Amino acid sequence: MERQIKDLPYTDQPTKHMLQGLIERKREFETYKQKCLVWQIITFVEVIVFIVFIYFNVYQRLETDLLFVLFYFFQSSHLFAVLLIAFSYSTAVYFKKKEEKAEKEYHELRWEIIDKSTDFWKSEEEWMNRDKVFSVMKKEFDINLYYKTK
């Protein structure tokens, strides 16, 4: 458990475990988001290199129509480049789906904590001091527990 979570005032142990789970889900979401972006950039660079290669090595040498150039390209041993682009694209799509699922789980838990905040901080004193917990979550982990918007 994070040190900041352990030291939270006016918070019982089950609430601390929920907050820790929220932090872990946010980190998982950010990890998938970063992996997705990396694979999208890799795919984009591969496509640009592929197009430049076709233009300079195939199209300018043959100087014919584009259909013939594509036919020539796929007849030769350059099919590996196409498979590499397809692999990169499918990996980016895979991580995008994982990112969306992780984001959904993160926001559902965050909304649940917001909805149940009256149960977590029952007494008047705890309720008045819950802002300290919310500010720690916002400041330390960039998790907004004040309202539900993304």
N, C-alpha and C. Protein backbone atom coordinates (compact mmCIF):
# COMPACT_ATOMS: atom_id res chain seq x y z
N MET A 1 0.84 -1.17 0.00
CA MET A 1 0.00 0.00 0.00
C MET A 1 0.89 1.24 0.00
N GLU A 2 0.47 2.25 -0.72
CA GLU A 2 1.22 3.51 -0.82
C GLU A 2 1.32 4.17 0.56
N ARG A 3 2.44 4.82 0.79
CA ARG A 3 2.65 5.51 2.07
C ARG A 3 1.62 6.61 2.27
N GLN A 4 1.30 7.34 1.19
CA GLN A 4 0.33 8.43 1.30
C GLN A 4 -1.06 7.91 1.68
N ILE A 5 -1.38 6.72 1.19
CA ILE A 5 -2.68 6.12 1.52
C ILE A 5 -2.70 5.65 2.97
N LYS A 6 -1.61 5.04 3.43
CA LYS A 6 -1.55 4.57 4.82
C LYS A 6 -1.70 5.71 5.82
N ASP A 7 -1.15 6.88 5.46
CA ASP A 7 -1.13 8.02 6.38
C ASP A 7 -2.38 8.90 6.28
N LEU A 8 -3.36 8.50 5.49
CA LEU A 8 -4.56 9.34 5.33
C LEU A 8 -5.33 9.45 6.64
N PRO A 9 -5.68 10.66 7.04
CA PRO A 9 -6.48 10.83 8.25
C PRO A 9 -7.96 10.58 7.96
N TYR A 10 -8.70 10.22 8.99
CA TYR A 10 -10.16 10.08 8.92
C TYR A 10 -10.60 9.04 7.89
N THR A 11 -9.80 8.01 7.68
CA THR A 11 -10.13 6.99 6.69
C THR A 11 -9.89 5.61 7.30
N ASP A 12 -10.89 4.75 7.18
CA ASP A 12 -10.74 3.40 7.73
C ASP A 12 -10.01 2.49 6.74
N GLN A 13 -9.67 1.30 7.18
CA GLN A 13 -8.86 0.38 6.37
C GLN A 13 -9.54 -0.05 5.06
N PRO A 14 -10.83 -0.42 5.06
CA PRO A 14 -11.45 -0.79 3.78
C PRO A 14 -11.45 0.35 2.75
N THR A 15 -11.64 1.56 3.22
CA THR A 15 -11.60 2.71 2.31
C THR A 15 -10.20 2.89 1.75
N LYS A 16 -9.20 2.69 2.58
CA LYS A 16 -7.82 2.79 2.11
C LYS A 16 -7.52 1.74 1.04
N HIS A 17 -8.08 0.54 1.22
CA HIS A 17 -7.88 -0.51 0.22
C HIS A 17 -8.58 -0.15 -1.10
N MET A 18 -9.74 0.46 -1.02
CA MET A 18 -10.43 0.90 -2.24
C MET A 18 -9.63 1.99 -2.94
N LEU A 19 -9.09 2.92 -2.17
CA LEU A 19 -8.29 4.00 -2.76
C LEU A 19 -7.02 3.43 -3.39
N GLN A 20 -6.41 2.44 -2.74
CA GLN A 20 -5.23 1.79 -3.31
C GLN A 20 -5.58 1.08 -4.61
N GLY A 21 -6.73 0.41 -4.63
CA GLY A 21 -7.18 -0.24 -5.87
C GLY A 21 -7.42 0.77 -6.98
N LEU A 22 -7.92 1.93 -6.62
CA LEU A 22 -8.14 2.99 -7.60
C LEU A 22 -6.81 3.47 -8.19
N ILE A 23 -5.82 3.60 -7.34
CA ILE A 23 -4.48 4.01 -7.82
C ILE A 23 -3.91 2.95 -8.76
N GLU A 24 -4.07 1.69 -8.41
CA GLU A 24 -3.55 0.62 -9.27
C GLU A 24 -4.26 0.60 -10.62
N ARG A 25 -5.56 0.82 -10.62
CA ARG A 25 -6.30 0.84 -11.89
C ARG A 25 -5.90 2.03 -12.74
N LYS A 26 -5.65 3.16 -12.11
CA LYS A 26 -5.20 4.33 -12.87
C LYS A 26 -3.83 4.06 -13.50
N ARG A 27 -2.95 3.45 -12.76
CA ARG A 27 -1.62 3.13 -13.30
C ARG A 27 -1.71 2.13 -14.44
N GLU A 28 -2.60 1.15 -14.31
CA GLU A 28 -2.80 0.18 -15.38
C GLU A 28 -3.33 0.88 -16.64
N PHE A 29 -4.30 1.78 -16.45
CA PHE A 29 -4.85 2.54 -17.57
C PHE A 29 -3.77 3.38 -18.24
N GLU A 30 -2.96 4.06 -17.46
CA GLU A 30 -1.90 4.89 -18.03
C GLU A 30 -0.84 4.05 -18.75
N THR A 31 -0.56 2.85 -18.24
CA THR A 31 0.40 1.95 -18.90
C THR A 31 -0.11 1.53 -20.27
N TYR A 32 -1.38 1.11 -20.33
CA TYR A 32 -1.95 0.72 -21.63
C TYR A 32 -2.04 1.91 -22.57
N LYS A 33 -2.33 3.07 -22.05
CA LYS A 33 -2.40 4.27 -22.88
C LYS A 33 -1.03 4.57 -23.50
N GLN A 34 0.02 4.43 -22.71
CA GLN A 34 1.37 4.68 -23.21
C GLN A 34 1.78 3.62 -24.24
N LYS A 35 1.47 2.36 -23.97
CA LYS A 35 1.81 1.30 -24.93
C LYS A 35 1.07 1.49 -26.24
N CYS A 36 -0.19 1.87 -26.15
CA CYS A 36 -0.99 2.11 -27.36
C CYS A 36 -0.37 3.25 -28.19
N LEU A 37 0.00 4.33 -27.53
CA LEU A 37 0.60 5.46 -28.24
C LEU A 37 1.92 5.06 -28.91
N VAL A 38 2.73 4.29 -28.21
CA VAL A 38 4.01 3.85 -28.78
C VAL A 38 3.77 3.01 -30.04
N TRP A 39 2.83 2.07 -29.98
CA TRP A 39 2.57 1.23 -31.15
C TRP A 39 1.91 2.00 -32.29
N GLN A 40 1.12 3.02 -31.97
CA GLN A 40 0.55 3.86 -33.02
C GLN A 40 1.65 4.64 -33.73
N ILE A 41 2.61 5.15 -32.96
CA ILE A 41 3.73 5.88 -33.57
C ILE A 41 4.58 4.95 -34.41
N ILE A 42 4.86 3.76 -33.90
CA ILE A 42 5.64 2.78 -34.67
C ILE A 42 4.94 2.46 -35.99
N THR A 43 3.64 2.23 -35.93
CA THR A 43 2.88 1.92 -37.15
C THR A 43 2.92 3.09 -38.12
N PHE A 44 2.76 4.29 -37.62
CA PHE A 44 2.79 5.47 -38.49
C PHE A 44 4.14 5.61 -39.18
N VAL A 45 5.22 5.43 -38.44
CA VAL A 45 6.56 5.54 -39.01
C VAL A 45 6.79 4.44 -40.06
N GLU A 46 6.33 3.23 -39.75
CA GLU A 46 6.48 2.13 -40.72
C GLU A 46 5.72 2.42 -42.01
N VAL A 47 4.53 2.96 -41.91
CA VAL A 47 3.75 3.29 -43.11
C VAL A 47 4.44 4.38 -43.92
N ILE A 48 4.96 5.39 -43.26
CA ILE A 48 5.67 6.47 -43.97
C ILE A 48 6.90 5.92 -44.68
N VAL A 49 7.67 5.09 -43.99
CA VAL A 49 8.86 4.49 -44.60
C VAL A 49 8.46 3.61 -45.78
N PHE A 50 7.39 2.88 -45.62
CA PHE A 50 6.88 2.01 -46.69
C PHE A 50 6.50 2.83 -47.93
N ILE A 51 5.79 3.90 -47.72
CA ILE A 51 5.37 4.75 -48.85
C ILE A 51 6.58 5.40 -49.53
N VAL A 52 7.52 5.88 -48.73
CA VAL A 52 8.72 6.49 -49.30
C VAL A 52 9.52 5.44 -50.08
N PHE A 53 9.62 4.26 -49.53
CA PHE A 53 10.34 3.18 -50.21
C PHE A 53 9.68 2.85 -51.55
N ILE A 54 8.37 2.73 -51.55
CA ILE A 54 7.66 2.43 -52.80
C ILE A 54 7.90 3.53 -53.82
N TYR A 55 7.82 4.76 -53.36
CA TYR A 55 7.97 5.87 -54.30
C TYR A 55 9.36 5.91 -54.91
N PHE A 56 10.39 5.85 -54.08
CA PHE A 56 11.75 6.01 -54.60
C PHE A 56 12.31 4.75 -55.25
N ASN A 57 12.01 3.59 -54.73
CA ASN A 57 12.63 2.37 -55.25
C ASN A 57 11.80 1.63 -56.28
N VAL A 58 10.52 1.85 -56.28
CA VAL A 58 9.69 1.10 -57.20
C VAL A 58 9.05 2.02 -58.23
N TYR A 59 8.35 3.02 -57.79
CA TYR A 59 7.58 3.86 -58.72
C TYR A 59 8.49 4.65 -59.65
N GLN A 60 9.55 5.27 -59.12
CA GLN A 60 10.43 6.06 -59.97
C GLN A 60 11.25 5.19 -60.92
N ARG A 61 11.54 3.97 -60.54
CA ARG A 61 12.28 3.08 -61.43
C ARG A 61 11.40 2.57 -62.56
N LEU A 62 10.18 2.22 -62.25
CA LEU A 62 9.31 1.64 -63.26
C LEU A 62 8.55 2.71 -64.05
N GLU A 63 8.24 3.82 -63.41
CA GLU A 63 7.54 4.94 -64.04
C GLU A 63 6.30 4.49 -64.79
N THR A 64 5.47 3.73 -64.13
CA THR A 64 4.21 3.30 -64.73
C THR A 64 3.07 3.63 -63.78
N ASP A 65 1.93 3.05 -64.03
CA ASP A 65 0.79 3.38 -63.17
C ASP A 65 0.91 2.70 -61.80
N LEU A 66 0.12 3.20 -60.88
CA LEU A 66 0.21 2.77 -59.50
C LEU A 66 -0.20 1.31 -59.31
N LEU A 67 -1.15 0.82 -60.06
CA LEU A 67 -1.59 -0.57 -59.93
C LEU A 67 -0.46 -1.54 -60.28
N PHE A 68 0.28 -1.24 -61.33
CA PHE A 68 1.40 -2.08 -61.70
C PHE A 68 2.49 -2.05 -60.64
N VAL A 69 2.71 -0.87 -60.06
CA VAL A 69 3.72 -0.73 -59.01
C VAL A 69 3.34 -1.60 -57.81
N LEU A 70 2.07 -1.54 -57.40
CA LEU A 70 1.64 -2.36 -56.27
C LEU A 70 1.73 -3.85 -56.60
N PHE A 71 1.37 -4.23 -57.80
CA PHE A 71 1.48 -5.63 -58.22
C PHE A 71 2.95 -6.08 -58.17
N TYR A 72 3.85 -5.25 -58.68
CA TYR A 72 5.27 -5.57 -58.66
C TYR A 72 5.77 -5.68 -57.22
N PHE A 73 5.32 -4.77 -56.40
CA PHE A 73 5.79 -4.75 -55.01
C PHE A 73 5.38 -6.02 -54.27
N PHE A 74 4.15 -6.46 -54.43
CA PHE A 74 3.68 -7.65 -53.73
C PHE A 74 4.21 -8.94 -54.36
N GLN A 75 4.67 -8.88 -55.59
CA GLN A 75 5.28 -10.04 -56.20
C GLN A 75 6.70 -10.25 -55.68
N SER A 76 7.32 -9.20 -55.29
CA SER A 76 8.71 -9.31 -54.84
C SER A 76 8.74 -9.73 -53.37
N SER A 77 9.91 -9.67 -52.79
CA SER A 77 10.10 -10.16 -51.42
C SER A 77 9.79 -9.10 -50.36
N HIS A 78 9.07 -8.05 -50.74
CA HIS A 78 8.78 -6.97 -49.80
C HIS A 78 7.51 -7.21 -49.00
N LEU A 79 6.99 -8.40 -49.10
CA LEU A 79 5.79 -8.73 -48.35
C LEU A 79 6.03 -8.69 -46.84
N PHE A 80 7.27 -8.89 -46.44
CA PHE A 80 7.61 -8.81 -45.01
C PHE A 80 7.28 -7.44 -44.44
N ALA A 81 7.52 -6.39 -45.19
CA ALA A 81 7.21 -5.03 -44.72
C ALA A 81 5.72 -4.86 -44.51
N VAL A 82 4.92 -5.42 -45.39
CA VAL A 82 3.46 -5.34 -45.25
C VAL A 82 3.02 -6.10 -44.01
N LEU A 83 3.59 -7.27 -43.80
CA LEU A 83 3.25 -8.05 -42.60
C LEU A 83 3.69 -7.34 -41.32
N LEU A 84 4.82 -6.67 -41.37
CA LEU A 84 5.29 -5.90 -40.22
C LEU A 84 4.33 -4.76 -39.89
N ILE A 85 3.86 -4.07 -40.91
CA ILE A 85 2.90 -3.00 -40.70
C ILE A 85 1.59 -3.56 -40.14
N ALA A 86 1.14 -4.68 -40.68
CA ALA A 86 -0.10 -5.31 -40.20
C ALA A 86 0.05 -5.74 -38.74
N PHE A 87 1.21 -6.28 -38.39
CA PHE A 87 1.45 -6.68 -37.00
C PHE A 87 1.44 -5.46 -36.07
N SER A 88 2.10 -4.40 -36.48
CA SER A 88 2.15 -3.20 -35.65
C SER A 88 0.76 -2.59 -35.46
N TYR A 89 0.00 -2.57 -36.54
CA TYR A 89 -1.35 -2.02 -36.47
C TYR A 89 -2.23 -2.87 -35.55
N SER A 90 -2.15 -4.18 -35.69
CA SER A 90 -2.98 -5.05 -34.84
C SER A 90 -2.56 -4.96 -33.38
N THR A 91 -1.29 -4.77 -33.11
CA THR A 91 -0.82 -4.59 -31.74
C THR A 91 -1.34 -3.27 -31.17
N ALA A 92 -1.34 -2.22 -31.98
CA ALA A 92 -1.88 -0.94 -31.53
C ALA A 92 -3.38 -1.06 -31.23
N VAL A 93 -4.10 -1.78 -32.07
CA VAL A 93 -5.54 -1.99 -31.84
C VAL A 93 -5.76 -2.80 -30.56
N TYR A 94 -4.93 -3.81 -30.35
CA TYR A 94 -5.03 -4.63 -29.14
C TYR A 94 -4.85 -3.78 -27.88
N PHE A 95 -3.81 -2.95 -27.87
CA PHE A 95 -3.57 -2.12 -26.70
C PHE A 95 -4.63 -1.03 -26.56
N LYS A 96 -5.23 -0.59 -27.65
CA LYS A 96 -6.31 0.39 -27.57
C LYS A 96 -7.53 -0.23 -26.87
N LYS A 97 -7.84 -1.47 -27.20
CA LYS A 97 -8.95 -2.15 -26.54
C LYS A 97 -8.65 -2.35 -25.05
N LYS A 98 -7.43 -2.74 -24.73
CA LYS A 98 -7.05 -2.91 -23.33
C LYS A 98 -7.12 -1.57 -22.59
N GLU A 99 -6.69 -0.50 -23.26
CA GLU A 99 -6.74 0.83 -22.67
C GLU A 99 -8.18 1.25 -22.36
N GLU A 100 -9.08 1.02 -23.30
CA GLU A 100 -10.48 1.39 -23.10
C GLU A 100 -11.11 0.60 -21.96
N LYS A 101 -10.77 -0.69 -21.86
CA LYS A 101 -11.30 -1.51 -20.78
C LYS A 101 -10.75 -1.03 -19.43
N ALA A 102 -9.45 -0.75 -19.37
CA ALA A 102 -8.84 -0.28 -18.13
C ALA A 102 -9.40 1.08 -17.73
N GLU A 103 -9.65 1.94 -18.71
CA GLU A 103 -10.22 3.25 -18.42
C GLU A 103 -11.63 3.10 -17.85
N LYS A 104 -12.41 2.22 -18.43
CA LYS A 104 -13.78 1.98 -17.95
C LYS A 104 -13.76 1.47 -16.51
N GLU A 105 -12.90 0.51 -16.21
CA GLU A 105 -12.80 -0.02 -14.85
C GLU A 105 -12.34 1.05 -13.86
N TYR A 106 -11.40 1.87 -14.28
CA TYR A 106 -10.89 2.94 -13.42
C TYR A 106 -12.00 3.93 -13.08
N HIS A 107 -12.72 4.37 -14.11
CA HIS A 107 -13.77 5.37 -13.87
C HIS A 107 -14.94 4.79 -13.09
N GLU A 108 -15.26 3.51 -13.30
CA GLU A 108 -16.33 2.89 -12.52
C GLU A 108 -15.99 2.85 -11.03
N LEU A 109 -14.75 2.50 -10.71
CA LEU A 109 -14.35 2.47 -9.30
C LEU A 109 -14.30 3.87 -8.73
N ARG A 110 -13.83 4.82 -9.49
CA ARG A 110 -13.76 6.21 -9.04
C ARG A 110 -15.16 6.74 -8.75
N TRP A 111 -16.09 6.45 -9.66
CA TRP A 111 -17.48 6.90 -9.47
C TRP A 111 -18.12 6.21 -8.27
N GLU A 112 -17.76 4.94 -8.06
CA GLU A 112 -18.30 4.22 -6.90
C GLU A 112 -17.81 4.85 -5.60
N ILE A 113 -16.56 5.24 -5.56
CA ILE A 113 -16.03 5.89 -4.36
C ILE A 113 -16.72 7.23 -4.15
N ILE A 114 -16.95 7.97 -5.22
CA ILE A 114 -17.64 9.26 -5.10
C ILE A 114 -19.06 9.05 -4.60
N ASP A 115 -19.76 8.05 -5.15
CA ASP A 115 -21.14 7.78 -4.75
C ASP A 115 -21.24 7.32 -3.30
N LYS A 116 -20.28 6.55 -2.86
CA LYS A 116 -20.33 5.99 -1.50
C LYS A 116 -19.54 6.81 -0.49
N SER A 117 -19.16 8.01 -0.83
CA SER A 117 -18.37 8.82 0.10
C SER A 117 -19.12 9.11 1.38
N THR A 118 -20.45 9.17 1.31
CA THR A 118 -21.22 9.38 2.55
C THR A 118 -21.12 8.17 3.47
N ASP A 119 -20.94 6.97 2.90
CA ASP A 119 -20.77 5.77 3.72
C ASP A 119 -19.35 5.65 4.28
N PHE A 120 -18.37 6.14 3.54
CA PHE A 120 -16.98 6.03 3.98
C PHE A 120 -16.66 7.02 5.10
N TRP A 121 -17.24 8.20 5.04
CA TRP A 121 -17.00 9.23 6.04
C TRP A 121 -18.35 9.56 6.69
N LYS A 122 -18.72 8.77 7.69
CA LYS A 122 -20.08 8.82 8.26
C LYS A 122 -20.26 9.96 9.26
N SER A 123 -19.33 10.11 10.15
CA SER A 123 -19.51 11.13 11.19
C SER A 123 -19.32 12.52 10.61
N GLU A 124 -19.82 13.48 11.33
CA GLU A 124 -19.74 14.88 10.88
C GLU A 124 -18.28 15.34 10.77
N GLU A 125 -17.48 14.94 11.74
CA GLU A 125 -16.07 15.34 11.73
C GLU A 125 -15.33 14.71 10.52
N GLU A 126 -15.59 13.42 10.28
CA GLU A 126 -14.96 12.76 9.13
C GLU A 126 -15.42 13.40 7.82
N TRP A 127 -16.69 13.72 7.73
CA TRP A 127 -17.22 14.31 6.51
C TRP A 127 -16.59 15.68 6.24
N MET A 128 -16.37 16.44 7.28
CA MET A 128 -15.77 17.77 7.12
C MET A 128 -14.29 17.66 6.73
N ASN A 129 -13.64 16.57 7.10
CA ASN A 129 -12.21 16.41 6.81
C ASN A 129 -11.93 15.51 5.62
N ARG A 130 -12.95 15.05 4.92
CA ARG A 130 -12.73 14.19 3.75
C ARG A 130 -12.01 14.95 2.64
N ASP A 131 -12.11 16.27 2.68
CA ASP A 131 -11.42 17.09 1.69
C ASP A 131 -9.91 16.86 1.75
N LYS A 132 -9.38 16.55 2.90
CA LYS A 132 -7.95 16.26 3.01
C LYS A 132 -7.60 14.99 2.22
N VAL A 133 -8.47 13.99 2.31
CA VAL A 133 -8.27 12.75 1.55
C VAL A 133 -8.36 13.04 0.05
N PHE A 134 -9.38 13.79 -0.34
CA PHE A 134 -9.57 14.11 -1.76
C PHE A 134 -8.41 14.92 -2.31
N SER A 135 -7.90 15.86 -1.51
CA SER A 135 -6.78 16.68 -2.00
C SER A 135 -5.50 15.87 -2.12
N VAL A 136 -5.29 14.91 -1.21
CA VAL A 136 -4.11 14.03 -1.32
C VAL A 136 -4.21 13.20 -2.59
N MET A 137 -5.39 12.65 -2.86
CA MET A 137 -5.57 11.84 -4.07
C MET A 137 -5.36 12.68 -5.32
N LYS A 138 -5.81 13.92 -5.32
CA LYS A 138 -5.65 14.79 -6.49
C LYS A 138 -4.19 15.22 -6.64
N LYS A 139 -3.57 15.62 -5.53
CA LYS A 139 -2.21 16.14 -5.58
C LYS A 139 -1.18 15.05 -5.86
N GLU A 140 -1.28 13.94 -5.17
CA GLU A 140 -0.27 12.89 -5.27
C GLU A 140 -0.47 11.96 -6.46
N PHE A 141 -1.72 11.67 -6.81
CA PHE A 141 -1.99 10.64 -7.81
C PHE A 141 -2.80 11.14 -9.00
N ASP A 142 -3.15 12.43 -9.00
CA ASP A 142 -3.95 13.04 -10.07
C ASP A 142 -5.27 12.29 -10.28
N ILE A 143 -5.92 11.98 -9.18
CA ILE A 143 -7.23 11.31 -9.22
C ILE A 143 -8.25 12.27 -8.62
N ASN A 144 -9.23 12.64 -9.42
CA ASN A 144 -10.23 13.60 -8.98
C ASN A 144 -11.40 12.86 -8.34
N LEU A 145 -11.60 13.07 -7.06
CA LEU A 145 -12.73 12.46 -6.35
C LEU A 145 -13.79 13.50 -5.97
N TYR A 146 -13.64 14.71 -6.46
CA TYR A 146 -14.60 15.76 -6.14
C TYR A 146 -15.89 15.61 -6.95
N TYR A 147 -15.78 15.25 -8.21
CA TYR A 147 -16.97 15.04 -9.05
C TYR A 147 -16.65 14.04 -10.13
N LYS A 148 -17.71 13.59 -10.84
CA LYS A 148 -17.61 12.42 -11.71
C LYS A 148 -17.08 12.67 -13.12
N THR A 149 -16.94 13.87 -13.55
CA THR A 149 -16.50 14.08 -14.94
C THR A 149 -15.12 13.49 -15.15
N LYS A 150 -14.86 13.10 -16.39
CA LYS A 150 -13.56 12.51 -16.71
C LYS A 150 -12.55 13.61 -16.71
